């Protein structure tokens, strides 16, 4: 039988399934896909806390619903760093990343046209959960390579030690579950 963690966030309550990540670590799975109410509520609360920006940047894929909804509410465009190069992408920027929820090293790709949009502009980085900070660092590297100015790093949840970081804007802390 699955175990669950009760999360209270943005005026809502959700039961998050606890999932194994390794032999020694479990995490509570925070999934915005298919939960429009949660996505809208988290976007609304984060939008109140973030600095003004010209663009929002997120990584494919779990951050996309949040970035879209924040983009809609803040009335600024959002950009997605993709996990593969698409046929329409040219002059691609790339950076490697190892996420806590992914087994292998991945590469994030940014279309050169989108990178040009960010040059000299204020960019807000948005993700669903910030844990180790590896995905965040990869997105920051893409913004810097594009010549953008990072004005903030935002997520609904800061997991584990990430909650102690001073450079994050988040709504709630999510614990890590270590096995004995």
Protein backbone atom coordinates (compact mmCIF):
# COMPACT_ATOMS: atom_id res chain seq x y z
CA UNK A 1 0.00 0.00 0.00
CA UNK A 2 1.33 3.42 -0.98
CA UNK A 3 2.26 6.04 1.60
CA UNK A 4 1.26 9.69 1.20
CA UNK A 5 2.38 13.10 2.43
CA UNK A 6 -0.27 15.73 3.13
CA UNK A 7 0.67 19.06 1.55
CA UNK A 8 -1.06 22.36 2.30
CA UNK A 9 -0.22 24.92 -0.37
CA UNK A 10 -1.83 28.04 -1.83
CA UNK A 11 -5.00 27.44 0.18
CA UNK A 12 -5.35 23.86 -1.06
CA UNK A 13 -4.59 20.41 0.35
CA UNK A 14 -3.16 17.57 -1.69
CA UNK A 15 -2.09 14.02 -0.83
CA UNK A 16 1.28 13.42 -2.50
CA UNK A 17 2.35 9.85 -3.15
CA UNK A 18 5.72 9.01 -1.62
CA UNK A 19 7.97 7.49 -4.30
CA UNK A 20 11.40 5.85 -4.10
CA UNK A 21 14.25 7.73 -5.77
CA UNK A 22 17.07 5.53 -4.52
CA UNK A 23 17.72 2.82 -1.94
CA UNK A 24 18.11 5.54 0.70
CA UNK A 25 15.70 8.27 -0.42
CA UNK A 26 12.00 8.76 -1.13
CA UNK A 27 10.27 11.93 -2.27
CA UNK A 28 6.69 13.13 -2.25
CA UNK A 29 5.60 13.43 -5.90
CA UNK A 30 4.30 16.93 -6.65
CA UNK A 31 2.69 16.77 -10.08
CA UNK A 32 0.95 19.82 -11.55
CA UNK A 33 -0.08 17.99 -14.72
CA UNK A 34 -3.88 17.53 -14.78
CA UNK A 35 -4.42 19.57 -11.59
CA UNK A 36 -5.61 22.90 -13.00
CA UNK A 37 -6.87 24.15 -9.64
CA UNK A 38 -3.48 23.59 -8.01
CA UNK A 39 -1.56 25.07 -10.95
CA UNK A 40 -3.69 28.23 -10.97
CA UNK A 41 -3.49 28.65 -7.18
CA UNK A 42 0.29 28.19 -7.05
CA UNK A 43 0.78 30.58 -10.00
CA UNK A 44 -1.44 33.19 -8.35
CA UNK A 45 0.48 33.03 -5.04
CA UNK A 46 3.90 33.03 -6.69
CA UNK A 47 2.89 35.93 -8.97
CA UNK A 48 2.32 38.04 -5.84
CA UNK A 49 5.90 37.39 -4.67
CA UNK A 50 8.09 37.55 -7.77
CA UNK A 51 9.85 40.64 -9.14
CA UNK A 52 8.86 42.24 -12.43
CA UNK A 53 10.19 40.36 -15.43
CA UNK A 54 10.14 40.44 -19.21
CA UNK A 55 10.20 36.64 -19.67
CA UNK A 56 9.66 33.45 -17.71
CA UNK A 57 11.97 30.49 -18.39
CA UNK A 58 11.26 26.90 -17.37
CA UNK A 59 12.57 23.44 -18.21
CA UNK A 60 10.59 20.83 -20.06
CA UNK A 61 8.33 19.35 -18.79
CA UNK A 62 6.86 19.52 -15.28
CA UNK A 63 7.38 23.29 -14.99
CA UNK A 64 5.45 24.07 -18.17
CA UNK A 65 1.90 24.28 -16.72
CA UNK A 66 3.10 26.62 -13.96
CA UNK A 67 5.16 28.79 -16.33
CA UNK A 68 2.19 29.04 -18.70
CA UNK A 69 -0.21 30.07 -15.94
CA UNK A 70 2.22 32.57 -14.42
CA UNK A 71 2.83 33.93 -17.92
CA UNK A 72 -0.90 34.36 -18.40
CA UNK A 73 -1.41 36.04 -15.03
CA UNK A 74 1.67 38.30 -15.25
CA UNK A 75 1.11 39.02 -18.96
CA UNK A 76 4.68 38.16 -19.99
CA UNK A 77 5.83 35.48 -22.45
CA UNK A 78 7.31 32.20 -21.28
CA UNK A 79 10.13 30.18 -22.82
CA UNK A 80 10.77 26.45 -22.46
CA UNK A 81 14.23 24.89 -22.38
CA UNK A 82 13.64 21.63 -24.27
CA UNK A 83 15.06 18.16 -23.57
CA UNK A 84 15.79 17.55 -27.24
CA UNK A 85 16.56 19.68 -30.28
CA UNK A 86 13.48 20.20 -32.45
CA UNK A 87 13.56 20.78 -36.21
CA UNK A 88 12.51 24.40 -35.86
CA UNK A 89 15.39 25.23 -33.49
CA UNK A 90 18.48 27.05 -34.81
CA UNK A 91 21.65 28.41 -33.19
CA UNK A 92 20.87 26.24 -30.17
CA UNK A 93 22.35 26.83 -26.72
CA UNK A 94 22.70 23.77 -24.51
CA UNK A 95 23.63 22.78 -20.98
CA UNK A 96 23.80 19.43 -19.19
CA UNK A 97 21.84 18.72 -16.01
CA UNK A 98 21.34 15.84 -13.57
CA UNK A 99 17.98 16.14 -11.82
CA UNK A 100 17.10 14.31 -8.59
CA UNK A 101 14.10 12.70 -10.33
CA UNK A 102 15.95 11.58 -13.47
CA UNK A 103 18.29 8.59 -13.64
CA UNK A 104 20.67 9.92 -16.29
CA UNK A 105 22.33 13.19 -17.17
CA UNK A 106 20.13 15.20 -19.54
CA UNK A 107 20.77 18.14 -21.81
CA UNK A 108 18.54 21.21 -21.94
CA UNK A 109 18.35 23.06 -25.24
CA UNK A 110 17.34 26.65 -25.91
CA UNK A 111 16.41 27.82 -29.38
CA UNK A 112 18.68 30.64 -30.55
CA UNK A 113 15.67 32.81 -31.41
CA UNK A 114 14.35 32.49 -27.86
CA UNK A 115 17.82 33.14 -26.48
CA UNK A 116 17.92 36.39 -28.48
CA UNK A 117 14.63 37.44 -26.87
CA UNK A 118 16.30 37.26 -23.44
CA UNK A 119 19.35 39.36 -24.29
CA UNK A 120 19.38 42.36 -21.95
CA UNK A 121 15.96 41.37 -20.54
CA UNK A 122 14.77 40.48 -17.04
CA UNK A 123 14.17 36.72 -16.78
CA UNK A 124 12.32 34.89 -14.04
CA UNK A 125 13.21 31.20 -13.74
CA UNK A 126 10.26 29.00 -12.74
CA UNK A 127 10.16 25.30 -11.87
CA UNK A 128 7.75 23.00 -10.06
CA UNK A 129 10.11 21.95 -7.24
CA UNK A 130 13.64 23.05 -6.39
CA UNK A 131 15.60 20.35 -4.59
CA UNK A 132 19.30 19.93 -5.33
CA UNK A 133 19.34 23.08 -7.45
CA UNK A 134 20.93 21.31 -10.44
CA UNK A 135 18.05 22.08 -12.83
CA UNK A 136 17.99 25.65 -11.56
CA UNK A 137 21.74 26.05 -12.20
CA UNK A 138 21.28 24.73 -15.74
CA UNK A 139 18.51 27.24 -16.45
CA UNK A 140 20.60 30.03 -14.94
CA UNK A 141 23.48 29.07 -17.22
CA UNK A 142 21.18 29.27 -20.26
CA UNK A 143 19.98 32.75 -19.23
CA UNK A 144 23.55 33.95 -18.73
CA UNK A 145 24.66 32.45 -22.06
CA UNK A 146 21.78 34.29 -23.73
CA UNK A 147 22.77 37.58 -22.09
CA UNK A 148 19.67 37.83 -19.92
CA UNK A 149 19.41 39.16 -16.38
CA UNK A 150 18.06 36.69 -13.80
CA UNK A 151 15.66 38.58 -11.54
CA UNK A 152 14.38 35.61 -9.53
CA UNK A 153 14.08 31.87 -9.09
CA UNK A 154 10.60 30.66 -8.18
CA UNK A 155 8.83 27.38 -7.46
CA UNK A 156 5.82 26.30 -5.43
CA UNK A 157 8.04 23.99 -3.37
CA UNK A 158 11.57 23.99 -1.99
CA UNK A 159 12.53 20.42 -1.17
CA UNK A 160 14.91 19.49 1.63
CA UNK A 161 17.85 21.88 2.13
CA UNK A 162 16.71 24.08 -0.78
CA UNK A 163 14.33 25.78 1.66
CA UNK A 164 17.37 27.38 3.32
CA UNK A 165 18.51 29.10 0.12
CA UNK A 166 18.10 32.87 0.10
CA UNK A 167 17.82 33.11 -3.70
CA UNK A 168 14.54 31.16 -3.95
CA UNK A 169 10.96 32.38 -3.94
CA UNK A 170 8.74 29.49 -2.88
CA UNK A 171 5.42 28.82 -1.19
CA UNK A 172 6.08 25.78 0.98
CA UNK A 173 8.84 23.43 2.07
CA UNK A 174 8.67 19.77 1.05
CA UNK A 175 10.59 17.27 3.17
CA UNK A 176 12.80 14.51 1.84
CA UNK A 177 12.17 11.05 3.26
CA UNK A 178 15.40 9.23 4.15
CA UNK A 179 15.32 5.47 4.71
CA UNK A 180 17.28 3.93 7.56
